[in-house]
Amino acid sequence: MQNKEYNVFICGNKVYVYKELKYIDVEKLKENCQWIRFIEKNGVRMVEYVKAKPNLSDKITEAIIAWCQEKTDILTVVNKIQKVL
């Protein structure tokens, strides 16, 4: 089983997804955006809030459920986040 990790940055009303961080200016994104990591390890999916405002989880509950329980692909998750911004 393959492990997956997606870094999702929410910058205002835009959502960016990066599988790898080596080609982007992470420091700039860290300063100006909220950062969430969607992870799958050994078939278990989880969400890690790297840098996020306290009310963010209330807004993206549907996206988190889609990722963790429904095993939805990352693009569907990002679309759900985009809709609530």
Foldseek 3Di string as FASTA:
>chain_A
DDKFKWKWWCAPLDIDIDRDDPPDDVVVSVVGTWIKMWIADPNATDIDGPGDDPCLCVQLVVLRCCVGPVVHDPVVSNVSSSVRD
